[in-house]
Amino acid sequence: MLVSSDVWKRLFPASSSGGGGGGGGAGKKGLLSSGSLFNNYNNNNIRNRRRSNTTIMDQLLVKLNPMRLCAGLKVLGYFMVVLVVAIIGISYYAVVVITWGPRLLDGGANSFFSFLILVLFHFLLVLLTWCYLMVVLRDPGSVPENWKLVSLGDIEEGNTAAVPSSDPQNLAPTVASLDGVELESAVRYCNTCRNGKPPRCHHCSICQRCVLKMDHHCIWVVNCVGAQNYKFFLLFVFYTFLETMLDTLALLPSFINFFEQAKHRSSSPADLAVTFLAFVLNLAFALSLLCFVVMHTSLLLGNTTSVEVHEKKRTTRWKYDLGRKRNFEQVFGTKKLFWFFPLFSGDDLKNIPALHGLEFPICSDTGVDCHCDAIEYRSISSYDAMISHGTSSVLTPLYPQQ
């Protein structure tokens, strides 16, 4: 018994504090305390393992940053450009070379109808190609270096000094006022570009820069769609929809006779395959582009971008909504002759600052009537001077006519 008690005391020192009958109770307490120590040890091990696993996951997330993976979309974009050229080539061969070109030699009404189809086909092809190149090559709009908000009072006083973009504290939100009408002008700051962000400006993770009035990054054009090329993008989508619809209707008779021609082998297998493929591709693109045309038409008439849709839902009245006519002119300009071409008139570029992407007319939510007939465009006379000094303003309000 002495040997066993000594061993018990050595194993559980807490039992040495009691004697006799209390030794058993003390031994049980010592056993409980040792068990708690064992549980604490296990808990600490579990916590340490969780922390180590969390650290490993954080390191993996840093290495596999989704934003870095976005850069791979640029490579995909160049492939999409090749795909666009290939689709145009297939459609051209099917419509012009195989189907309607040979019918020009038939004579009579058939030749005249073929001539009209080919003229319309080439006309739309030239327009969509022109618009496509403009979207691809045109800069959507970049934020000038050391950009800051310049209020109307500073412009009238000639104070256009820029604030260094490395100091975000100087980019505090300000509110300009004119005739008792507040002009909201919240200024944001981009930590990635280390520069101020004008209204409606957003950072593109693929282009790695801030884009003025960014709508979205389109992999089909390997470029962002912003303030300065949004019109070109809309025209490209519209003319491509018309072209694909024309190709679908022009190839429909050949597609209906496809199986009969394949059975009797009246045409070469290659021509039949190209015609079938061109019809299916054009039909698929026509249906998908119809959805895009409807969606962007709705955004255009509401003076909203794809990025701003959720923001607009949180407001009772969208501050950039000036009425359908003015909203349309904010993108296409006021000169009707230039609406159908990827061009802007000099007067529109001078009188509509929204086309540059830095200044946007707004309607106040403080009871100001913002109907189209009560609003006029106002250009800032010192705008060009500010550009020459390396600074820029951001806000050109639409004032109610007095």
Protein backbone atom coordinates (compact mmCIF):
# COMPACT_ATOMS: atom_id res chain seq x y z
CA MET A 1 0.00 0.00 0.00
CA LEU A 2 2.90 2.36 0.78
CA VAL A 3 4.47 1.76 -2.57
CA SER A 4 1.23 2.24 -4.42
CA SER A 5 0.42 5.44 -2.51
CA ASP A 6 3.86 6.85 -3.24
CA VAL A 7 3.39 6.12 -6.89
CA TRP A 8 -0.08 7.72 -6.76
CA LYS A 9 1.33 10.84 -5.06
CA ARG A 10 4.15 11.12 -7.58
CA LEU A 11 1.71 10.78 -10.47
CA PHE A 12 -0.85 13.14 -8.95
CA PRO A 13 0.86 15.58 -6.59
CA ALA A 14 -2.47 17.24 -5.74
CA SER A 15 -3.40 14.19 -3.67
CA SER A 16 -0.58 14.90 -1.17
CA SER A 17 -2.55 17.75 0.34
CA GLY A 18 -5.04 15.36 1.99
CA GLY A 19 -4.62 12.19 4.04
CA GLY A 20 -6.54 9.05 4.92
CA GLY A 21 -10.01 8.99 3.52
CA GLY A 22 -9.42 12.36 1.93
CA GLY A 23 -6.64 10.92 -0.20
CA GLY A 24 -9.13 9.25 -2.50
CA GLY A 25 -11.05 12.50 -2.99
CA ALA A 26 -7.83 14.42 -3.55
CA GLY A 27 -6.72 11.79 -5.99
CA LYS A 28 -9.93 12.19 -7.92
CA LYS A 29 -9.40 15.95 -7.97
CA GLY A 30 -5.90 15.42 -9.21
CA LEU A 31 -7.24 13.13 -11.89
CA LEU A 32 -9.77 15.74 -12.92
CA SER A 33 -7.13 18.45 -13.00
CA SER A 34 -4.84 16.31 -15.12
CA GLY A 35 -7.74 15.61 -17.47
CA SER A 36 -8.47 19.31 -17.81
CA LEU A 37 -4.82 19.95 -18.56
CA PHE A 38 -4.99 17.30 -21.24
CA ASN A 39 -8.12 18.87 -22.71
CA ASN A 40 -6.51 22.31 -22.71
CA TYR A 41 -3.51 20.86 -24.46
CA ASN A 42 -5.74 19.34 -27.14
CA ASN A 43 -7.68 22.58 -27.54
CA ASN A 44 -4.47 24.54 -27.96
CA ASN A 45 -3.30 22.07 -30.60
CA ILE A 46 -6.60 22.40 -32.44
CA ARG A 47 -6.38 26.21 -32.36
CA ASN A 48 -2.80 26.16 -33.59
CA ARG A 49 -3.73 23.82 -36.42
CA ARG A 50 -6.63 26.04 -37.41
CA ARG A 51 -4.37 29.09 -37.37
CA SER A 52 -1.77 27.33 -39.47
CA ASN A 53 -4.44 26.16 -41.91
CA THR A 54 -5.84 29.70 -42.11
CA THR A 55 -2.34 31.06 -42.76
CA ILE A 56 -1.80 28.51 -45.52
CA MET A 57 -5.16 29.36 -47.09
CA ASP A 58 -4.34 33.08 -46.96
CA GLN A 59 -1.05 32.44 -48.70
CA LEU A 60 -2.80 30.37 -51.36
CA LEU A 61 -5.39 33.11 -51.90
CA VAL A 62 -2.61 35.67 -52.31
CA LYS A 63 -0.85 33.48 -54.85
CA LEU A 64 -4.14 32.65 -56.62
CA ASN A 65 -5.51 36.17 -56.53
CA PRO A 66 -8.65 36.29 -58.73
CA MET A 67 -7.72 39.82 -59.74
CA ARG A 68 -4.48 38.50 -61.18
CA LEU A 69 -6.40 35.88 -63.09
CA CYS A 70 -8.40 38.67 -64.72
CA ALA A 71 -5.28 39.61 -66.65
CA GLY A 72 -5.69 36.34 -68.55
CA LEU A 73 -8.88 37.69 -70.08
CA LYS A 74 -6.72 39.99 -72.22
CA VAL A 75 -5.30 36.94 -73.99
CA LEU A 76 -8.83 35.61 -74.41
CA GLY A 77 -9.82 38.98 -75.84
CA TYR A 78 -7.29 38.71 -78.66
CA PHE A 79 -8.68 35.28 -79.46
CA MET A 80 -12.16 36.79 -79.60
CA VAL A 81 -10.94 39.36 -82.14
CA VAL A 82 -9.71 36.51 -84.33
CA LEU A 83 -13.06 34.80 -83.86
CA VAL A 84 -14.92 37.94 -84.97
CA VAL A 85 -12.80 38.13 -88.12
CA ALA A 86 -13.41 34.43 -88.79
CA ILE A 87 -17.20 34.80 -88.41
CA ILE A 88 -17.20 37.78 -90.77
CA GLY A 89 -15.17 35.79 -93.30
CA ILE A 90 -17.48 32.76 -93.13
CA SER A 91 -20.58 34.94 -93.46
CA TYR A 92 -19.10 36.86 -96.38
CA TYR A 93 -18.22 33.66 -98.24
CA ALA A 94 -21.64 32.11 -97.63
CA VAL A 95 -23.72 35.17 -98.53
CA VAL A 96 -21.70 36.79 -101.31
CA VAL A 97 -19.67 34.03 -102.93
CA ILE A 98 -21.97 31.01 -102.60
CA THR A 99 -25.54 32.28 -102.37
CA TRP A 100 -26.25 35.73 -103.84
CA GLY A 101 -23.19 36.61 -105.89
CA PRO A 102 -23.84 34.05 -108.66
CA ARG A 103 -27.47 35.20 -108.93
CA LEU A 104 -26.38 38.57 -110.28
CA LEU A 105 -25.88 36.86 -113.63
CA ASP A 106 -29.42 35.46 -113.79
CA GLY A 107 -30.92 38.67 -115.11
CA GLY A 108 -34.31 40.22 -114.45
CA ALA A 109 -35.83 40.82 -111.01
CA ASN A 110 -33.69 38.10 -109.46
CA SER A 111 -30.51 39.97 -110.31
CA PHE A 112 -31.92 43.26 -109.04
CA PHE A 113 -32.99 41.67 -105.75
CA SER A 114 -29.55 40.09 -105.37
CA PHE A 115 -27.94 43.45 -106.05
CA LEU A 116 -29.98 45.12 -103.29
CA ILE A 117 -29.09 42.41 -100.79
CA LEU A 118 -25.39 42.63 -101.60
CA VAL A 119 -25.37 46.43 -101.38
CA LEU A 120 -27.10 46.38 -98.00
CA PHE A 121 -24.79 43.59 -96.83
CA HIS A 122 -21.64 45.53 -97.69
CA PHE A 123 -23.04 48.79 -96.30
CA LEU A 124 -23.73 47.24 -92.90
CA LEU A 125 -20.42 45.39 -93.00
CA VAL A 126 -18.50 48.63 -93.53
CA LEU A 127 -20.37 50.36 -90.70
CA LEU A 128 -19.94 47.56 -88.17
CA THR A 129 -16.26 47.16 -89.07
CA TRP A 130 -15.72 50.89 -88.67
CA CYS A 131 -17.47 50.94 -85.31
CA TYR A 132 -15.63 47.83 -84.17
CA LEU A 133 -12.23 49.33 -84.94
CA MET A 134 -13.19 52.52 -83.12
CA VAL A 135 -14.21 50.57 -80.01
CA VAL A 136 -11.02 48.53 -80.05
CA LEU A 137 -8.63 51.42 -80.72
CA ARG A 138 -10.36 54.27 -78.88
CA ASP A 139 -9.37 54.96 -75.28
CA PRO A 140 -12.54 54.72 -73.13
CA GLY A 141 -11.29 57.57 -70.94
CA SER A 142 -8.61 57.79 -68.27
CA VAL A 143 -8.44 59.92 -65.14
CA PRO A 144 -5.87 62.72 -65.47
CA GLU A 145 -2.96 62.65 -63.05
CA ASN A 146 -3.45 64.55 -59.79
CA TRP A 147 -7.13 64.90 -60.52
CA LYS A 148 -9.37 66.75 -58.08
CA LEU A 149 -12.85 68.18 -58.02
CA VAL A 150 -12.95 71.83 -59.03
CA SER A 151 -16.08 73.63 -57.93
CA LEU A 152 -17.80 76.26 -60.03
CA GLY A 153 -16.67 78.98 -57.64
CA ASP A 154 -13.05 77.98 -58.08
CA ILE A 155 -13.48 77.98 -61.85
CA GLU A 156 -14.95 81.47 -61.87
CA GLU A 157 -12.16 82.73 -59.61
CA GLY A 158 -9.52 81.03 -61.74
CA ASN A 159 -8.40 78.72 -58.93
CA THR A 160 -7.69 75.45 -60.71
CA ALA A 161 -4.77 74.12 -58.72
CA ALA A 162 -4.66 70.34 -58.58
CA VAL A 163 -4.27 68.33 -55.42
CA PRO A 164 -1.55 65.65 -55.51
CA SER A 165 -3.18 62.27 -55.91
CA SER A 166 -0.89 60.74 -53.29
CA ASP A 167 -2.73 62.64 -50.57
CA PRO A 168 -6.23 61.16 -50.32
CA GLN A 169 -7.08 63.38 -47.34
CA ASN A 170 -7.16 66.39 -49.63
CA LEU A 171 -9.82 64.69 -51.75
CA ALA A 172 -12.59 65.33 -49.26
CA PRO A 173 -16.17 65.44 -50.53
CA THR A 174 -17.41 68.93 -51.25
CA VAL A 175 -20.75 70.43 -52.16
CA ALA A 176 -21.12 73.30 -54.58
CA SER A 177 -24.16 75.56 -54.51
CA LEU A 178 -25.68 77.93 -56.98
CA ASP A 179 -28.89 79.89 -56.48
CA GLY A 180 -29.78 77.73 -53.51
CA VAL A 181 -29.52 74.50 -55.51
CA GLU A 182 -27.06 72.01 -54.07
CA LEU A 183 -24.89 70.13 -56.53
CA GLU A 184 -23.79 66.83 -55.07
CA SER A 185 -20.16 66.03 -55.82
CA ALA A 186 -18.86 63.14 -53.73
CA VAL A 187 -15.19 62.54 -54.48
CA ARG A 188 -13.77 59.05 -54.19
CA TYR A 189 -10.21 57.79 -54.11
CA CYS A 190 -8.69 54.76 -55.85
CA ASN A 191 -6.06 53.06 -53.69
CA THR A 192 -4.78 51.03 -56.64
CA CYS A 193 -4.23 53.96 -59.01
CA ARG A 194 -3.51 56.35 -56.11
CA ASN A 195 -5.62 59.03 -57.71
CA GLY A 196 -9.01 60.64 -57.31
CA LYS A 197 -12.05 59.04 -58.92
CA PRO A 198 -14.52 61.31 -60.71
CA PRO A 199 -18.21 60.50 -60.49
CA ARG A 200 -19.25 57.40 -62.44
CA CYS A 201 -15.62 56.30 -62.66
CA HIS A 202 -14.69 52.73 -61.73
CA HIS A 203 -11.51 50.68 -61.58
CA CYS A 204 -11.12 47.87 -64.12
CA SER A 205 -9.27 44.85 -62.76
CA ILE A 206 -8.43 43.66 -66.27
CA CYS A 207 -7.07 46.94 -67.64
CA GLN A 208 -5.57 47.78 -64.21
CA ARG A 209 -6.73 51.39 -64.32
CA CYS A 210 -9.71 53.60 -63.61
CA VAL A 211 -12.09 54.14 -66.54
CA LEU A 212 -14.32 57.19 -66.89
CA LYS A 213 -18.03 56.30 -66.80
CA MET A 214 -17.15 52.64 -67.07
CA ASP A 215 -19.89 50.39 -68.39
CA HIS A 216 -18.07 47.05 -68.55
CA HIS A 217 -14.98 45.36 -69.92
CA CYS A 218 -15.81 43.64 -73.20
CA ILE A 219 -13.59 40.73 -74.18
CA TRP A 220 -14.93 40.92 -77.74
CA VAL A 221 -13.20 44.27 -78.25
CA VAL A 222 -10.22 43.73 -75.87
CA ASN A 223 -11.06 47.04 -74.25
CA CYS A 224 -13.21 48.70 -71.66
CA VAL A 225 -16.42 50.43 -72.67
CA GLY A 226 -16.43 53.90 -71.16
CA ALA A 227 -17.46 57.48 -71.71
CA GLN A 228 -15.41 58.09 -74.84
CA ASN A 229 -16.25 54.91 -76.77
CA TYR A 230 -19.69 53.96 -75.46
CA LYS A 231 -21.40 55.40 -78.54
CA PHE A 232 -19.12 53.37 -80.80
CA PHE A 233 -19.92 50.22 -78.84
CA LEU A 234 -23.67 50.79 -79.10
CA LEU A 235 -23.41 51.36 -82.85
CA PHE A 236 -21.28 48.25 -83.23
CA VAL A 237 -23.84 46.13 -81.38
CA PHE A 238 -26.71 47.64 -83.36
CA TYR A 239 -25.10 47.24 -86.80
CA THR A 240 -23.91 43.73 -85.97
CA PHE A 241 -27.46 42.80 -85.01
CA LEU A 242 -28.77 44.15 -88.32
CA GLU A 243 -26.02 42.37 -90.25
CA THR A 244 -26.61 39.01 -88.57
CA MET A 245 -30.36 39.35 -89.12
CA LEU A 246 -29.77 40.09 -92.81
CA ASP A 247 -27.42 37.12 -93.13
CA THR A 248 -29.93 34.85 -91.41
CA LEU A 249 -32.75 35.87 -93.75
CA ALA A 250 -30.48 35.76 -96.82
CA LEU A 251 -29.28 32.23 -95.99
CA LEU A 252 -32.68 30.92 -94.89
CA PRO A 253 -33.69 29.56 -98.37
CA SER A 254 -30.34 27.80 -98.69
CA PHE A 255 -30.69 26.39 -95.18
CA ILE A 256 -34.17 25.04 -95.97
CA ASN A 257 -32.83 23.33 -99.10
CA PHE A 258 -29.72 22.14 -97.29
CA PHE A 259 -30.78 18.52 -96.81
CA GLU A 260 -32.20 18.24 -100.33
CA GLN A 261 -29.00 19.61 -101.82
CA ALA A 262 -26.93 17.30 -99.63
CA LYS A 263 -29.04 14.32 -100.76
CA HIS A 264 -28.74 15.07 -104.48
CA ARG A 265 -25.19 16.45 -104.11
CA SER A 266 -26.12 19.49 -106.17
CA SER A 267 -23.50 21.53 -104.31
CA SER A 268 -20.05 20.74 -103.03
CA PRO A 269 -19.84 19.44 -99.45
CA ALA A 270 -17.60 22.35 -98.47
CA ASP A 271 -20.12 24.93 -99.69
CA LEU A 272 -22.94 23.15 -97.91
CA ALA A 273 -20.96 23.03 -94.67
CA VAL A 274 -20.04 26.72 -94.87
CA THR A 275 -23.65 27.73 -95.62
CA PHE A 276 -25.00 25.64 -92.75
CA LEU A 277 -22.38 26.96 -90.30
CA ALA A 278 -22.89 30.58 -91.36
CA PHE A 279 -26.67 30.32 -90.91
CA VAL A 280 -26.41 28.78 -87.44
CA LEU A 281 -23.79 31.30 -86.26
CA ASN A 282 -25.69 34.32 -87.56
CA LEU A 283 -28.96 33.11 -86.07
CA ALA A 284 -27.34 32.55 -82.67
CA PHE A 285 -25.65 35.95 -82.68
CA ALA A 286 -28.81 37.70 -83.87
CA LEU A 287 -30.84 36.30 -80.97
CA SER A 288 -28.17 37.10 -78.37
CA LEU A 289 -27.52 40.58 -79.76
CA LEU A 290 -31.24 41.32 -79.66
CA CYS A 291 -31.06 40.99 -75.87
CA PHE A 292 -28.04 43.29 -75.77
CA VAL A 293 -29.76 45.88 -77.95
CA VAL A 294 -32.82 45.92 -75.70
CA MET A 295 -30.76 46.07 -72.52
CA HIS A 296 -28.42 48.86 -73.64
CA THR A 297 -31.29 50.84 -75.13
CA SER A 298 -32.93 50.80 -71.71
CA LEU A 299 -29.66 51.85 -70.05
CA LEU A 300 -29.11 54.59 -72.62
CA LEU A 301 -32.55 56.13 -72.19
CA GLY A 302 -32.13 56.03 -68.41
CA ASN A 303 -28.59 57.49 -68.51
CA THR A 304 -27.28 54.48 -66.62
CA THR A 305 -24.34 52.14 -67.08
CA SER A 306 -24.21 48.43 -66.38
CA VAL A 307 -22.17 49.13 -63.24
CA GLU A 308 -24.67 51.68 -61.95
CA VAL A 309 -27.78 49.50 -62.21
CA HIS A 310 -27.66 48.37 -58.57
CA GLU A 311 -26.81 51.87 -57.38
CA LYS A 312 -29.80 53.26 -59.25
CA LYS A 313 -32.15 50.78 -57.56
CA ARG A 314 -31.20 52.20 -54.14
CA THR A 315 -32.29 55.73 -55.06
CA THR A 316 -35.77 57.14 -55.41
CA ARG A 317 -34.71 59.27 -58.37
CA TRP A 318 -31.60 58.76 -60.46
CA LYS A 319 -29.68 62.03 -60.36
CA TYR A 320 -28.29 61.61 -63.90
CA ASP A 321 -31.71 60.97 -65.47
CA LEU A 322 -32.41 64.12 -67.51
CA GLY A 323 -35.21 62.75 -69.65
CA ARG A 324 -34.91 60.35 -72.56
CA LYS A 325 -33.98 62.96 -75.14
CA ARG A 326 -31.23 64.54 -73.05
CA ASN A 327 -30.00 61.15 -71.92
CA PHE A 328 -29.63 60.11 -75.54
CA GLU A 329 -27.78 63.32 -76.38
CA GLN A 330 -25.37 62.73 -73.50
CA VAL A 331 -24.00 59.78 -75.47
CA PHE A 332 -24.77 60.46 -79.15
CA GLY A 333 -24.65 64.26 -79.20
CA THR A 334 -27.17 66.72 -80.59
CA LYS A 335 -26.20 66.59 -84.29
CA LYS A 336 -28.52 64.07 -85.93
CA LEU A 337 -26.21 63.60 -88.90
CA PHE A 338 -23.54 62.08 -86.62
CA TRP A 339 -25.87 59.75 -84.74
CA PHE A 340 -25.36 56.85 -87.15
CA PHE A 341 -21.58 57.10 -87.45
CA PRO A 342 -18.75 56.68 -84.91
CA LEU A 343 -18.03 60.41 -85.01
CA PHE A 344 -18.74 63.50 -82.93
CA SER A 345 -19.20 67.05 -84.11
CA GLY A 346 -16.93 69.75 -82.77
CA ASP A 347 -19.87 71.62 -81.25
CA ASP A 348 -20.99 68.54 -79.31
CA LEU A 349 -17.50 67.94 -77.96
CA LYS A 350 -17.38 71.54 -76.83
CA ASN A 351 -20.88 71.92 -75.40
CA ILE A 352 -21.47 68.46 -73.90
CA PRO A 353 -18.74 67.79 -71.33
CA ALA A 354 -20.24 64.37 -70.54
CA LEU A 355 -18.71 63.09 -73.78
CA HIS A 356 -15.27 63.56 -72.18
CA GLY A 357 -16.27 61.57 -69.11
CA LEU A 358 -15.23 64.05 -66.41
CA GLU A 359 -18.31 66.27 -66.11
CA PHE A 360 -21.93 65.17 -65.92
CA PRO A 361 -25.12 67.19 -65.63
CA ILE A 362 -27.25 66.18 -62.67
CA CYS A 363 -30.75 66.78 -61.46
CA SER A 364 -31.11 67.78 -57.83
CA ASP A 365 -33.39 65.77 -55.57
CA THR A 366 -34.41 68.94 -53.70
CA GLY A 367 -37.54 69.65 -55.70
CA VAL A 368 -35.97 71.12 -58.82
CA ASP A 369 -38.01 70.42 -61.92
CA CYS A 370 -35.78 68.52 -64.33
CA HIS A 371 -37.95 68.19 -67.40
CA CYS A 372 -36.14 68.48 -70.72
CA ASP A 373 -37.76 71.77 -71.65
CA ALA A 374 -36.50 73.34 -68.39
CA ILE A 375 -32.87 72.34 -68.85
CA GLU A 376 -30.14 73.51 -71.13
CA TYR A 377 -26.55 72.51 -71.58
CA ARG A 378 -23.97 74.87 -70.13
CA SER A 379 -20.31 74.59 -71.07
CA ILE A 380 -17.58 75.97 -68.85
CA SER A 381 -15.64 78.64 -70.69
CA SER A 382 -12.43 77.87 -68.80
CA TYR A 383 -12.58 74.15 -69.58
CA ASP A 384 -9.92 74.30 -72.30
CA ALA A 385 -7.73 76.49 -70.09
CA MET A 386 -8.00 73.94 -67.31
CA ILE A 387 -6.98 71.14 -69.64
CA SER A 388 -3.94 73.15 -70.74
CA HIS A 389 -2.91 73.59 -67.08
CA GLY A 390 -3.16 69.85 -66.47
CA THR A 391 -6.27 70.06 -64.32
CA SER A 392 -9.88 69.26 -64.87
CA SER A 393 -13.27 69.90 -63.43
CA VAL A 394 -15.80 67.20 -62.85
CA LEU A 395 -19.22 68.73 -62.49
CA THR A 396 -21.23 70.67 -65.02
CA PRO A 397 -24.76 71.00 -63.69
CA LEU A 398 -27.84 71.61 -65.72
CA TYR A 399 -29.35 74.81 -64.41
CA PRO A 400 -33.07 75.48 -64.60
CA GLN A 401 -33.74 78.33 -66.93
CA GLN A 402 -34.66 81.49 -65.04
